[in-house]
Amino acid sequence: MAPEEIQYDPVMNGSMTWQIYNGTMYQKPLPNTTGKWVKFAVEVQPNGAAVYMGEDAFPQLVIPNLQHGDPVGKIGFWGYLPGYIRNLVIEEIQPTPITKRDRDLKRLSTETFITEWMVSPIAENRWTKAVVEENGTLNLNRIYTAEQGSSVQAKSTFYISEEKETLLTFGFSDHLRLWVNEEKVYQGDWRWNPPESDGRIRSNMASVPVRWRAGVNTIRAEITNNEFFGWGLCIKTGLSDMSFITEEK
């Protein structure tokens, strides 16, 4: 982790999501400028936002897909540590247009991400189809209000033509129990606990070897929320020929 970062962090259903939206698409490490005045500017457009720091003529970070859709003309400030703002200016400009980045499920599937899930609260049998974000993560904050101790089950069923063995890689936040074809293969925690862990969801955070059977296979997960920084799951199977089977109930 850098001492300082620009971080895209859309709030969804009462929770921050920076542990979901992480990596080069959403973060920019910066030098530590604590105690210094720094010029900061954000250009907000219908298709995205560009963030500038200092006197640099080029943006430090460009977000080509705002998760809440078109901006509605409001700004706000929130601070965790003491900070100061001066010379605030809001003006209409004609910026260089930002090209929207659409979610590409076909590309994610080619990269062996699980892209289609059925999700349900643990205490209910009410399954709903969900698809992953543009970075391959199942964002549970988009679907459910994050309350400490809340648990959701997610399952994905798919068909492959022949038996094979791969390394299943995954990331999650905050607590995960994971089954493949109803055999438990993993249980663990991953949350904000620096310097040991930062809780950010990455597809290569953990791994287990899996022997897949020819025909229908199922991955089932139980994900529990213990923080308010991002609640979700990201899995890559290593299989390039998955055909997903989903059915809402």
C-alpha atoms as a PDB file:
ATOM      1  CA  MET A   1       0.000   0.000   0.000  1.00  0.00           C
ATOM      2  CA  ALA A   2       1.209   3.490  -0.800  1.00  0.00           C
ATOM      3  CA  PRO A   3       1.372   6.179   1.932  1.00  0.00           C
ATOM      4  CA  GLU A   4      -1.193   8.102  -0.052  1.00  0.00           C
ATOM      5  CA  GLU A   5      -3.556   7.212  -2.892  1.00  0.00           C
ATOM      6  CA  ILE A   6      -6.282   8.513  -5.115  1.00  0.00           C
ATOM      7  CA  GLN A   7      -8.999   5.899  -4.647  1.00  0.00           C
ATOM      8  CA  TYR A   8     -12.360   5.519  -6.360  1.00  0.00           C
ATOM      9  CA  ASP A   9     -14.837   4.502  -3.655  1.00  0.00           C
ATOM     10  CA  PRO A  10     -18.553   4.493  -4.600  1.00  0.00           C
ATOM     11  CA  VAL A  11     -20.839   4.031  -1.590  1.00  0.00           C
ATOM     12  CA  MET A  12     -23.497   1.333  -2.101  1.00  0.00           C
ATOM     13  CA  ASN A  13     -26.297   0.405   0.289  1.00  0.00           C
ATOM     14  CA  GLY A  14     -24.572   2.211   3.145  1.00  0.00           C
ATOM     15  CA  SER A  15     -21.115   0.692   2.618  1.00  0.00           C
ATOM     16  CA  MET A  16     -17.854   1.914   1.137  1.00  0.00           C
ATOM     17  CA  THR A  17     -16.530  -0.354  -1.628  1.00  0.00           C
ATOM     18  CA  TRP A  18     -12.820   0.458  -1.980  1.00  0.00           C
ATOM     19  CA  GLN A  19     -11.919  -3.179  -1.240  1.00  0.00           C
ATOM     20  CA  ILE A  20     -13.907  -4.130  -4.373  1.00  0.00           C
ATOM     21  CA  TYR A  21     -12.770  -1.326  -6.692  1.00  0.00           C
ATOM     22  CA  ASN A  22      -9.016  -1.640  -6.342  1.00  0.00           C
ATOM     23  CA  GLY A  23      -6.026  -1.959  -8.645  1.00  0.00           C
ATOM     24  CA  THR A  24      -4.802   0.260 -11.458  1.00  0.00           C
ATOM     25  CA  MET A  25      -8.307   0.915 -12.844  1.00  0.00           C
ATOM     26  CA  TYR A  26      -9.393   2.587  -9.586  1.00  0.00           C
ATOM     27  CA  GLN A  27      -6.258   3.571  -7.630  1.00  0.00           C
ATOM     28  CA  LYS A  28      -3.225   5.770  -8.132  1.00  0.00           C
ATOM     29  CA  PRO A  29      -0.361   5.651  -5.584  1.00  0.00           C
ATOM     30  CA  LEU A  30       1.016   9.075  -4.690  1.00  0.00           C
ATOM     31  CA  PRO A  31       3.916  10.506  -2.680  1.00  0.00           C
ATOM     32  CA  ASN A  32       3.060  11.347   0.908  1.00  0.00           C
ATOM     33  CA  THR A  33       1.890  14.992   0.929  1.00  0.00           C
ATOM     34  CA  THR A  34       0.733  15.098   4.550  1.00  0.00           C
ATOM     35  CA  GLY A  35       1.068  18.640   5.937  1.00  0.00           C
ATOM     36  CA  LYS A  36       1.246  20.266   2.496  1.00  0.00           C
ATOM     37  CA  TRP A  37      -1.287  22.174   0.447  1.00  0.00           C
ATOM     38  CA  VAL A  38      -1.994  20.301  -2.787  1.00  0.00           C
ATOM     39  CA  LYS A  39      -4.150  21.390  -5.722  1.00  0.00           C
ATOM     40  CA  PHE A  40      -6.855  18.809  -6.399  1.00  0.00           C
ATOM     41  CA  ALA A  41      -9.391  18.838  -9.235  1.00  0.00           C
ATOM     42  CA  VAL A  42     -12.044  16.439 -10.490  1.00  0.00           C
ATOM     43  CA  GLU A  43     -13.645  16.691 -13.928  1.00  0.00           C
ATOM     44  CA  VAL A  44     -17.014  14.928 -13.812  1.00  0.00           C
ATOM     45  CA  GLN A  45     -18.614  13.839 -17.092  1.00  0.00           C
ATOM     46  CA  PRO A  46     -21.608  11.659 -18.012  1.00  0.00           C
ATOM     47  CA  ASN A  47     -19.264   8.771 -18.868  1.00  0.00           C
ATOM     48  CA  GLY A  48     -16.691   9.135 -16.128  1.00  0.00           C
ATOM     49  CA  ALA A  49     -14.351  11.324 -14.109  1.00  0.00           C
ATOM     50  CA  ALA A  50     -10.749  12.527 -14.392  1.00  0.00           C
ATOM     51  CA  VAL A  51      -8.705  13.371 -11.289  1.00  0.00           C
ATOM     52  CA  TYR A  52      -5.830  15.891 -11.271  1.00  0.00           C
ATOM     53  CA  MET A  53      -3.251  16.552  -8.551  1.00  0.00           C
ATOM     54  CA  GLY A  54      -0.792  19.424  -8.349  1.00  0.00           C
ATOM     55  CA  GLU A  55       0.059  21.341 -11.507  1.00  0.00           C
ATOM     56  CA  ASP A  56       0.210  18.299 -13.809  1.00  0.00           C
ATOM     57  CA  ALA A  57      -1.657  18.923 -17.076  1.00  0.00           C
ATOM     58  CA  PHE A  58      -2.606  15.261 -17.371  1.00  0.00           C
ATOM     59  CA  PRO A  59      -4.971  13.404 -15.012  1.00  0.00           C
ATOM     60  CA  GLN A  60      -3.479  11.145 -12.362  1.00  0.00           C
ATOM     61  CA  LEU A  61      -6.490   8.844 -12.586  1.00  0.00           C
ATOM     62  CA  VAL A  62      -9.356   8.394 -15.071  1.00  0.00           C
ATOM     63  CA  ILE A  63     -12.521   6.503 -14.127  1.00  0.00           C
ATOM     64  CA  PRO A  64     -14.377   5.685 -17.388  1.00  0.00           C
ATOM     65  CA  ASN A  65     -17.362   4.050 -15.716  1.00  0.00           C
ATOM     66  CA  LEU A  66     -19.113   5.735 -12.774  1.00  0.00           C
ATOM     67  CA  GLN A  67     -20.893   2.993 -10.855  1.00  0.00           C
ATOM     68  CA  HIS A  68     -23.938   5.122  -9.973  1.00  0.00           C
ATOM     69  CA  GLY A  69     -24.540   6.268 -13.531  1.00  0.00           C
ATOM     70  CA  ASP A  70     -24.811   9.883 -14.669  1.00  0.00           C
ATOM     71  CA  PRO A  71     -23.836  12.553 -12.094  1.00  0.00           C
ATOM     72  CA  VAL A  72     -26.720  14.531 -10.594  1.00  0.00           C
ATOM     73  CA  GLY A  73     -24.967  17.800  -9.750  1.00  0.00           C
ATOM     74  CA  LYS A  74     -24.006  17.305  -6.089  1.00  0.00           C
ATOM     75  CA  ILE A  75     -20.632  17.233  -4.355  1.00  0.00           C
ATOM     76  CA  GLY A  76     -19.632  16.503  -0.780  1.00  0.00           C
ATOM     77  CA  PHE A  77     -16.620  16.022   1.461  1.00  0.00           C
ATOM     78  CA  TRP A  78     -15.959  13.407   4.096  1.00  0.00           C
ATOM     79  CA  GLY A  79     -12.856  13.067   6.224  1.00  0.00           C
ATOM     80  CA  TYR A  80     -11.517  10.329   8.437  1.00  0.00           C
ATOM     81  CA  LEU A  81      -8.381  12.191   9.570  1.00  0.00           C
ATOM     82  CA  PRO A  82      -8.030  15.984  10.027  1.00  0.00           C
ATOM     83  CA  GLY A  83      -7.865  17.830   6.736  1.00  0.00           C
ATOM     84  CA  TYR A  84      -8.500  21.303   5.339  1.00  0.00           C
ATOM     85  CA  ILE A  85     -10.036  22.681   2.144  1.00  0.00           C
ATOM     86  CA  ARG A  86      -9.521  26.188   0.781  1.00  0.00           C
ATOM     87  CA  ASN A  87     -10.269  28.073  -2.450  1.00  0.00           C
ATOM     88  CA  LEU A  88     -13.063  25.706  -3.502  1.00  0.00           C
ATOM     89  CA  VAL A  89     -14.212  26.465  -7.058  1.00  0.00           C
ATOM     90  CA  ILE A  90     -16.995  24.779  -9.044  1.00  0.00           C
ATOM     91  CA  GLU A  91     -17.155  25.651 -12.715  1.00  0.00           C
ATOM     92  CA  GLU A  92     -18.478  24.343 -16.017  1.00  0.00           C
ATOM     93  CA  ILE A  93     -15.793  23.457 -18.544  1.00  0.00           C
ATOM     94  CA  GLN A  94     -15.418  21.658 -21.861  1.00  0.00           C
ATOM     95  CA  PRO A  95     -13.070  18.758 -21.011  1.00  0.00           C
ATOM     96  CA  THR A  96     -11.672  16.086 -23.275  1.00  0.00           C
ATOM     97  CA  PRO A  97     -14.471  13.471 -23.489  1.00  0.00           C
ATOM     98  CA  ILE A  98     -13.942  10.239 -21.565  1.00  0.00           C
ATOM     99  CA  THR A  99     -14.807   7.047 -23.436  1.00  0.00           C
ATOM    100  CA  LYS A 100     -17.123   4.836 -21.417  1.00  0.00           C
ATOM    101  CA  ARG A 101     -15.747   1.424 -20.424  1.00  0.00           C
ATOM    102  CA  ASP A 102     -18.475  -1.211 -20.699  1.00  0.00           C
ATOM    103  CA  ARG A 103     -18.483  -4.424 -18.712  1.00  0.00           C
ATOM    104  CA  ASP A 104     -17.168  -7.240 -20.936  1.00  0.00           C
ATOM    105  CA  LEU A 105     -18.399 -10.561 -19.544  1.00  0.00           C
ATOM    106  CA  LYS A 106     -17.105 -12.459 -22.572  1.00  0.00           C
ATOM    107  CA  ARG A 107     -13.560 -11.205 -21.949  1.00  0.00           C
ATOM    108  CA  LEU A 108     -13.825 -12.017 -18.229  1.00  0.00           C
ATOM    109  CA  SER A 109     -15.042 -15.521 -19.030  1.00  0.00           C
ATOM    110  CA  THR A 110     -12.103 -15.984 -21.401  1.00  0.00           C
ATOM    111  CA  GLU A 111      -9.855 -15.031 -18.478  1.00  0.00           C
ATOM    112  CA  THR A 112     -11.640 -17.883 -16.578  1.00  0.00           C
ATOM    113  CA  PHE A 113     -13.512 -15.662 -14.106  1.00  0.00           C
ATOM    114  CA  ILE A 114     -16.793 -16.974 -12.740  1.00  0.00           C
ATOM    115  CA  THR A 115     -19.068 -14.309 -14.226  1.00  0.00           C
ATOM    116  CA  GLU A 116     -22.556 -15.621 -13.371  1.00  0.00           C
ATOM    117  CA  TRP A 117     -23.814 -16.360  -9.873  1.00  0.00           C
ATOM    118  CA  MET A 118     -27.012 -17.157  -8.020  1.00  0.00           C
ATOM    119  CA  VAL A 119     -27.157 -15.390  -4.645  1.00  0.00           C
ATOM    120  CA  SER A 120     -29.415 -15.666  -1.595  1.00  0.00           C
ATOM    121  CA  PRO A 121     -29.329 -14.581   2.048  1.00  0.00           C
ATOM    122  CA  ILE A 122     -28.243 -17.507   4.255  1.00  0.00           C
ATOM    123  CA  ALA A 123     -31.481 -17.483   6.250  1.00  0.00           C
ATOM    124  CA  GLU A 124     -33.669 -17.579   3.119  1.00  0.00           C
ATOM    125  CA  ASN A 125     -34.071 -19.709   0.023  1.00  0.00           C
ATOM    126  CA  ARG A 126     -34.590 -16.774  -2.314  1.00  0.00           C
ATOM    127  CA  TRP A 127     -32.142 -17.041  -5.198  1.00  0.00           C
ATOM    128  CA  THR A 128     -31.432 -14.175  -7.573  1.00  0.00           C
ATOM    129  CA  LYS A 129     -29.148 -14.097 -10.597  1.00  0.00           C
ATOM    130  CA  ALA A 130     -26.152 -11.749 -10.325  1.00  0.00           C
ATOM    131  CA  VAL A 131     -23.281 -10.957 -12.675  1.00  0.00           C
ATOM    132  CA  VAL A 132     -19.845  -9.680 -11.733  1.00  0.00           C
ATOM    133  CA  GLU A 133     -18.440  -6.172 -11.974  1.00  0.00           C
ATOM    134  CA  GLU A 134     -16.119  -5.064 -14.777  1.00  0.00           C
ATOM    135  CA  ASN A 135     -13.149  -6.332 -12.712  1.00  0.00           C
ATOM    136  CA  GLY A 136     -14.627  -9.828 -12.230  1.00  0.00           C
ATOM    137  CA  THR A 137     -15.825  -9.355  -8.626  1.00  0.00           C
ATOM    138  CA  LEU A 138     -19.262 -10.324  -7.346  1.00  0.00           C
ATOM    139  CA  ASN A 139     -20.219  -7.086  -5.566  1.00  0.00           C
ATOM    140  CA  LEU A 140     -22.642  -8.003  -2.783  1.00  0.00           C
ATOM    141  CA  ASN A 141     -22.897  -4.347  -1.691  1.00  0.00           C
ATOM    142  CA  ARG A 142     -24.760  -3.646  -4.923  1.00  0.00           C
ATOM    143  CA  ILE A 143     -27.442  -6.182  -3.927  1.00  0.00           C
ATOM    144  CA  TYR A 144     -27.635  -6.173  -0.106  1.00  0.00           C
ATOM    145  CA  THR A 145     -27.298  -3.731   2.777  1.00  0.00           C
ATOM    146  CA  ALA A 146     -24.047  -4.563   4.562  1.00  0.00           C
ATOM    147  CA  GLU A 147     -24.648  -5.210   8.237  1.00  0.00           C
ATOM    148  CA  GLN A 148     -21.960  -6.643  10.481  1.00  0.00           C
ATOM    149  CA  GLY A 149     -22.400 -10.405  10.624  1.00  0.00           C
ATOM    150  CA  SER A 150     -24.600 -10.590   7.517  1.00  0.00           C
ATOM    151  CA  SER A 151     -24.014 -13.735   5.440  1.00  0.00           C
ATOM    152  CA  VAL A 152     -24.933 -14.480   1.848  1.00  0.00           C
ATOM    153  CA  GLN A 153     -24.557 -17.689  -0.115  1.00  0.00           C
ATOM    154  CA  ALA A 154     -23.514 -17.633  -3.750  1.00  0.00           C
ATOM    155  CA  LYS A 155     -23.334 -20.508  -6.187  1.00  0.00           C
ATOM    156  CA  SER A 156     -22.310 -20.962  -9.779  1.00  0.00           C
ATOM    157  CA  THR A 157     -23.056 -24.038 -11.887  1.00  0.00           C
ATOM    158  CA  PHE A 158     -21.335 -24.714 -15.178  1.00  0.00           C
ATOM    159  CA  TYR A 159     -20.619 -27.454 -17.696  1.00  0.00           C
ATOM    160  CA  ILE A 160     -17.212 -28.541 -19.026  1.00  0.00           C
ATOM    161  CA  SER A 161     -16.628 -31.176 -21.672  1.00  0.00           C
ATOM    162  CA  GLU A 162     -13.937 -33.273 -19.986  1.00  0.00           C
ATOM    163  CA  GLU A 163     -12.328 -33.989 -16.629  1.00  0.00           C
ATOM    164  CA  LYS A 164      -9.318 -31.839 -15.782  1.00  0.00           C
ATOM    165  CA  GLU A 165      -7.299 -30.402 -12.891  1.00  0.00           C
ATOM    166  CA  THR A 166      -6.613 -26.681 -12.409  1.00  0.00           C
ATOM    167  CA  LEU A 167      -5.631 -24.230  -9.706  1.00  0.00           C
ATOM    168  CA  LEU A 168      -8.696 -22.390  -8.417  1.00  0.00           C
ATOM    169  CA  THR A 169      -7.662 -18.847  -7.421  1.00  0.00           C
ATOM    170  CA  PHE A 170      -9.827 -16.357  -5.550  1.00  0.00           C
ATOM    171  CA  GLY A 171     -10.152 -13.309  -3.328  1.00  0.00           C
ATOM    172  CA  PHE A 172     -12.889 -12.183  -0.955  1.00  0.00           C
ATOM    173  CA  SER A 173     -13.909  -9.948   1.917  1.00  0.00           C
ATOM    174  CA  ASP A 174     -14.490 -10.558   4.780  1.00  0.00           C
ATOM    175  CA  HIS A 175     -14.985 -14.261   5.743  1.00  0.00           C
ATOM    176  CA  LEU A 176     -15.356 -17.116   3.259  1.00  0.00           C
ATOM    177  CA  ARG A 177     -16.344 -20.768   3.289  1.00  0.00           C
ATOM    178  CA  LEU A 178     -15.985 -22.385  -0.127  1.00  0.00           C
ATOM    179  CA  TRP A 179     -17.202 -25.701  -1.597  1.00  0.00           C
ATOM    180  CA  VAL A 180     -16.520 -27.313  -4.983  1.00  0.00           C
ATOM    181  CA  ASN A 181     -19.048 -30.001  -5.941  1.00  0.00           C
ATOM    182  CA  GLU A 182     -20.185 -29.923  -2.276  1.00  0.00           C
ATOM    183  CA  GLU A 183     -16.686 -30.687  -0.973  1.00  0.00           C
ATOM    184  CA  LYS A 184     -15.357 -27.977   1.323  1.00  0.00           C
ATOM    185  CA  VAL A 185     -12.021 -26.695  -0.026  1.00  0.00           C
ATOM    186  CA  TYR A 186     -11.381 -23.472   1.910  1.00  0.00           C
ATOM    187  CA  GLN A 187     -12.277 -21.376   4.940  1.00  0.00           C
ATOM    188  CA  GLY A 188     -10.622 -18.128   5.979  1.00  0.00           C
ATOM    189  CA  ASP A 189     -10.723 -14.396   6.759  1.00  0.00           C
ATOM    190  CA  TRP A 190      -9.420 -11.455   4.752  1.00  0.00           C
ATOM    191  CA  ARG A 191     -10.025  -7.945   6.035  1.00  0.00           C
ATOM    192  CA  TRP A 192      -8.440  -4.580   6.801  1.00  0.00           C
ATOM    193  CA  ASN A 193      -5.575  -5.432   9.152  1.00  0.00           C
ATOM    194  CA  PRO A 194      -2.404  -3.646   7.978  1.00  0.00           C
ATOM    195  CA  PRO A 195       0.377  -4.442   7.462  1.00  0.00           C
ATOM    196  CA  GLU A 196      -0.617  -8.139   7.352  1.00  0.00           C
ATOM    197  CA  SER A 197      -3.643  -7.622   5.059  1.00  0.00           C
ATOM    198  CA  ASP A 198      -5.585  -4.793   3.454  1.00  0.00           C
ATOM    199  CA  GLY A 199      -8.851  -6.626   2.745  1.00  0.00           C
ATOM    200  CA  ARG A 200      -8.840  -5.747  -0.958  1.00  0.00           C
ATOM    201  CA  ILE A 201     -10.432  -8.371  -3.184  1.00  0.00           C
ATOM    202  CA  ARG A 202      -7.969  -9.809  -5.708  1.00  0.00           C
ATOM    203  CA  SER A 203      -8.455 -12.947  -7.801  1.00  0.00           C
ATOM    204  CA  ASN A 204      -5.040 -14.327  -6.809  1.00  0.00           C
ATOM    205  CA  MET A 205      -5.190 -13.788  -3.035  1.00  0.00           C
ATOM    206  CA  ALA A 206      -5.646 -17.533  -2.264  1.00  0.00           C
ATOM    207  CA  SER A 207      -5.655 -20.768  -4.248  1.00  0.00           C
ATOM    208  CA  VAL A 208      -6.546 -24.472  -4.031  1.00  0.00           C
ATOM    209  CA  PRO A 209      -6.012 -27.301  -6.573  1.00  0.00           C
ATOM    210  CA  VAL A 210      -9.280 -28.733  -7.921  1.00  0.00           C
ATOM    211  CA  ARG A 211     -10.059 -31.849  -9.939  1.00  0.00           C
ATOM    212  CA  TRP A 212     -13.080 -30.994 -12.090  1.00  0.00           C
ATOM    213  CA  ARG A 213     -15.370 -33.695 -13.400  1.00  0.00           C
ATOM    214  CA  ALA A 214     -16.649 -33.925 -16.945  1.00  0.00           C
ATOM    215  CA  GLY A 215     -20.153 -32.470 -17.158  1.00  0.00           C
ATOM    216  CA  VAL A 216     -21.785 -30.269 -14.518  1.00  0.00           C
ATOM    217  CA  ASN A 217     -19.733 -28.699 -11.700  1.00  0.00           C
ATOM    218  CA  THR A 218     -20.786 -26.370  -8.877  1.00  0.00           C
ATOM    219  CA  ILE A 219     -18.967 -23.772  -6.810  1.00  0.00           C
ATOM    220  CA  ARG A 220     -20.758 -22.662  -3.657  1.00  0.00           C
ATOM    221  CA  ALA A 221     -19.620 -19.927  -1.282  1.00  0.00           C
ATOM    222  CA  GLU A 222     -20.759 -18.445   2.004  1.00  0.00           C
ATOM    223  CA  ILE A 223     -19.506 -14.865   2.393  1.00  0.00           C
ATOM    224  CA  THR A 224     -19.896 -13.007   5.703  1.00  0.00           C
ATOM    225  CA  ASN A 225     -19.581  -9.240   6.129  1.00  0.00           C
ATOM    226  CA  ASN A 226     -17.629  -7.953   9.138  1.00  0.00           C
ATOM    227  CA  GLU A 227     -16.570  -4.479   7.924  1.00  0.00           C
ATOM    228  CA  PHE A 228     -17.970  -1.675   5.765  1.00  0.00           C
ATOM    229  CA  PHE A 229     -15.205  -1.429   3.167  1.00  0.00           C
ATOM    230  CA  GLY A 230     -16.457  -3.871   0.518  1.00  0.00           C
ATOM    231  CA  TRP A 231     -18.248  -7.212   0.633  1.00  0.00           C
ATOM    232  CA  GLY A 232     -17.757  -9.677  -2.195  1.00  0.00           C
ATOM    233  CA  LEU A 233     -16.006 -12.535  -3.943  1.00  0.00           C
ATOM    234  CA  CYS A 234     -13.836 -13.030  -7.030  1.00  0.00           C
ATOM    235  CA  ILE A 235     -12.959 -16.465  -8.481  1.00  0.00           C
ATOM    236  CA  LYS A 236     -10.940 -17.720 -11.456  1.00  0.00           C
ATOM    237  CA  THR A 237     -11.232 -21.420 -12.269  1.00  0.00           C
ATOM    238  CA  GLY A 238      -8.450 -21.882 -14.821  1.00  0.00           C
ATOM    239  CA  LEU A 239     -11.085 -23.417 -17.141  1.00  0.00           C
ATOM    240  CA  SER A 240     -11.501 -21.917 -20.595  1.00  0.00           C
ATOM    241  CA  ASP A 241     -14.559 -23.907 -21.716  1.00  0.00           C
ATOM    242  CA  MET A 242     -17.203 -23.179 -19.048  1.00  0.00           C
ATOM    243  CA  SER A 243     -20.871 -22.987 -20.049  1.00  0.00           C
ATOM    244  CA  PHE A 244     -22.847 -21.390 -17.205  1.00  0.00           C
ATOM    245  CA  ILE A 245     -26.177 -22.811 -16.054  1.00  0.00           C
ATOM    246  CA  THR A 246     -28.319 -20.290 -14.143  1.00  0.00           C
ATOM    247  CA  GLU A 247     -31.975 -20.293 -13.173  1.00  0.00           C
ATOM    248  CA  GLU A 248     -33.764 -17.785 -10.939  1.00  0.00           C
ATOM    249  CA  LYS A 249     -35.996 -19.216  -8.204  1.00  0.00           C
END
